[in-house]
Amino acid sequence: MPELCRFDGIIIYMYFEDLEGHNKPHVHVWFGDYNASIAIDGQILAGRLPVKQLKKVSLWLSIHEEDLYKAWNLAVRNQHFDKIPPLE
């Protein structure tokens, strides 16, 4: 499970060949005991996060949307992708 980014205690991953379960391009997010699958468009597909962290992740997703779709297209073909910078 390759790590895309880490900031403010939030860890964001994207799995290789992750087409089962959620059909939308998405990331997996962990924060403490919380975890969620969140589509690149910001829709929560499964799980939950505290509101503050969800807002940060949503902002990060919107800022890096193009890079995230590039990473997704590589990941579903089981190809490595680059990390994406955190929020500043």
C-alpha atoms as a PDB file:
ATOM      1  CA  MET A   1       0.000   0.000   0.000  1.00  0.00           C
ATOM      2  CA  PRO A   2       2.045   2.949  -1.269  1.00  0.00           C
ATOM      3  CA  GLU A   3       1.895   6.159   0.693  1.00  0.00           C
ATOM      4  CA  LEU A   4       0.892   9.243  -1.293  1.00  0.00           C
ATOM      5  CA  CYS A   5       1.265  11.870   1.404  1.00  0.00           C
ATOM      6  CA  ARG A   6       1.507  12.539   5.136  1.00  0.00           C
ATOM      7  CA  PHE A   7       0.647  15.756   6.989  1.00  0.00           C
ATOM      8  CA  ASP A   8      -0.806  16.831  10.352  1.00  0.00           C
ATOM      9  CA  GLY A   9      -1.107  13.208  11.527  1.00  0.00           C
ATOM     10  CA  ILE A  10      -3.046  12.259   8.362  1.00  0.00           C
ATOM     11  CA  ILE A  11      -1.680   9.472   6.177  1.00  0.00           C
ATOM     12  CA  ILE A  12      -2.984   9.034   2.626  1.00  0.00           C
ATOM     13  CA  TYR A  13      -2.467   5.854   0.620  1.00  0.00           C
ATOM     14  CA  MET A  14      -3.437   4.567  -2.798  1.00  0.00           C
ATOM     15  CA  TYR A  15      -3.531   0.824  -3.398  1.00  0.00           C
ATOM     16  CA  PHE A  16      -2.344  -0.896  -6.564  1.00  0.00           C
ATOM     17  CA  GLU A  17      -5.053  -2.551  -8.693  1.00  0.00           C
ATOM     18  CA  ASP A  18      -7.769  -1.214  -6.329  1.00  0.00           C
ATOM     19  CA  LEU A  19     -10.816  -1.615  -8.558  1.00  0.00           C
ATOM     20  CA  GLU A  20     -12.915  -3.862  -6.327  1.00  0.00           C
ATOM     21  CA  GLY A  21     -15.345  -2.393  -3.818  1.00  0.00           C
ATOM     22  CA  HIS A  22     -15.202   1.241  -4.994  1.00  0.00           C
ATOM     23  CA  ASN A  23     -15.420   2.002  -8.686  1.00  0.00           C
ATOM     24  CA  LYS A  24     -14.490   5.672  -8.348  1.00  0.00           C
ATOM     25  CA  PRO A  25     -10.853   6.772  -8.249  1.00  0.00           C
ATOM     26  CA  HIS A  26     -10.113   7.168  -4.544  1.00  0.00           C
ATOM     27  CA  VAL A  27      -7.572   7.270  -1.734  1.00  0.00           C
ATOM     28  CA  HIS A  28      -7.452   5.601   1.665  1.00  0.00           C
ATOM     29  CA  VAL A  29      -6.972   7.959   4.609  1.00  0.00           C
ATOM     30  CA  TRP A  30      -5.904   7.204   8.183  1.00  0.00           C
ATOM     31  CA  PHE A  31      -5.918   9.552  11.149  1.00  0.00           C
ATOM     32  CA  GLY A  32      -5.411   7.919  14.552  1.00  0.00           C
ATOM     33  CA  ASP A  33      -8.173   5.345  15.008  1.00  0.00           C
ATOM     34  CA  TYR A  34     -10.158   6.736  12.071  1.00  0.00           C
ATOM     35  CA  ASN A  35      -9.986   5.648   8.459  1.00  0.00           C
ATOM     36  CA  ALA A  36     -11.934   6.342   5.308  1.00  0.00           C
ATOM     37  CA  SER A  37     -11.966   5.738   1.581  1.00  0.00           C
ATOM     38  CA  ILE A  38     -12.495   9.066  -0.155  1.00  0.00           C
ATOM     39  CA  ALA A  39     -13.011   9.606  -3.875  1.00  0.00           C
ATOM     40  CA  ILE A  40     -10.723  12.088  -5.573  1.00  0.00           C
ATOM     41  CA  ASP A  41     -13.800  14.292  -6.040  1.00  0.00           C
ATOM     42  CA  GLY A  42     -14.182  14.389  -2.221  1.00  0.00           C
ATOM     43  CA  GLN A  43     -17.076  11.932  -1.795  1.00  0.00           C
ATOM     44  CA  ILE A  44     -16.713   9.670   1.253  1.00  0.00           C
ATOM     45  CA  LEU A  45     -17.068   6.094  -0.017  1.00  0.00           C
ATOM     46  CA  ALA A  46     -16.549   4.284   3.301  1.00  0.00           C
ATOM     47  CA  GLY A  47     -15.491   4.995   6.878  1.00  0.00           C
ATOM     48  CA  ARG A  48     -15.208   8.367   8.539  1.00  0.00           C
ATOM     49  CA  LEU A  49     -12.802  11.071   9.679  1.00  0.00           C
ATOM     50  CA  PRO A  50     -13.149  13.910  12.179  1.00  0.00           C
ATOM     51  CA  VAL A  51     -14.548  17.041  10.504  1.00  0.00           C
ATOM     52  CA  LYS A  52     -11.310  19.048  10.819  1.00  0.00           C
ATOM     53  CA  GLN A  53      -9.222  16.335   9.166  1.00  0.00           C
ATOM     54  CA  LEU A  54     -11.853  15.689   6.487  1.00  0.00           C
ATOM     55  CA  LYS A  55     -11.741  19.379   5.542  1.00  0.00           C
ATOM     56  CA  LYS A  56      -7.940  19.240   5.270  1.00  0.00           C
ATOM     57  CA  VAL A  57      -8.069  16.091   3.130  1.00  0.00           C
ATOM     58  CA  SER A  58     -10.779  17.609   0.914  1.00  0.00           C
ATOM     59  CA  LEU A  59      -8.653  20.712   0.372  1.00  0.00           C
ATOM     60  CA  TRP A  60      -5.593  18.565  -0.414  1.00  0.00           C
ATOM     61  CA  LEU A  61      -7.638  16.484  -2.882  1.00  0.00           C
ATOM     62  CA  SER A  62      -8.888  19.590  -4.694  1.00  0.00           C
ATOM     63  CA  ILE A  63      -5.414  21.153  -4.903  1.00  0.00           C
ATOM     64  CA  HIS A  64      -3.809  17.968  -6.247  1.00  0.00           C
ATOM     65  CA  GLU A  65      -6.684  16.583  -8.342  1.00  0.00           C
ATOM     66  CA  GLU A  66      -4.659  16.315 -11.563  1.00  0.00           C
ATOM     67  CA  ASP A  67      -1.738  14.554  -9.836  1.00  0.00           C
ATOM     68  CA  LEU A  68      -4.145  12.204  -8.056  1.00  0.00           C
ATOM     69  CA  TYR A  69      -5.789  11.089 -11.302  1.00  0.00           C
ATOM     70  CA  LYS A  70      -2.334  10.487 -12.798  1.00  0.00           C
ATOM     71  CA  ALA A  71      -1.389   8.391  -9.753  1.00  0.00           C
ATOM     72  CA  TRP A  72      -4.702   6.489  -9.942  1.00  0.00           C
ATOM     73  CA  ASN A  73      -4.166   5.649 -13.616  1.00  0.00           C
ATOM     74  CA  LEU A  74      -0.746   4.242 -12.784  1.00  0.00           C
ATOM     75  CA  ALA A  75      -1.889   2.400  -9.640  1.00  0.00           C
ATOM     76  CA  VAL A  76      -4.727   0.519 -11.354  1.00  0.00           C
ATOM     77  CA  ARG A  77      -2.132  -0.798 -13.819  1.00  0.00           C
ATOM     78  CA  ASN A  78       0.082  -1.856 -10.875  1.00  0.00           C
ATOM     79  CA  GLN A  79       2.661   0.822 -11.711  1.00  0.00           C
ATOM     80  CA  HIS A  80       4.439   2.988  -9.170  1.00  0.00           C
ATOM     81  CA  PHE A  81       3.584   6.655  -8.769  1.00  0.00           C
ATOM     82  CA  ASP A  82       5.263   9.618  -7.115  1.00  0.00           C
ATOM     83  CA  LYS A  83       4.363  11.029  -3.719  1.00  0.00           C
ATOM     84  CA  ILE A  84       2.285  14.196  -3.721  1.00  0.00           C
ATOM     85  CA  PRO A  85       3.294  17.200  -1.566  1.00  0.00           C
ATOM     86  CA  PRO A  86       1.412  17.921   1.675  1.00  0.00           C
ATOM     87  CA  LEU A  87      -0.563  21.035   2.517  1.00  0.00           C
ATOM     88  CA  GLU A  88       1.704  23.912   3.476  1.00  0.00           C
END
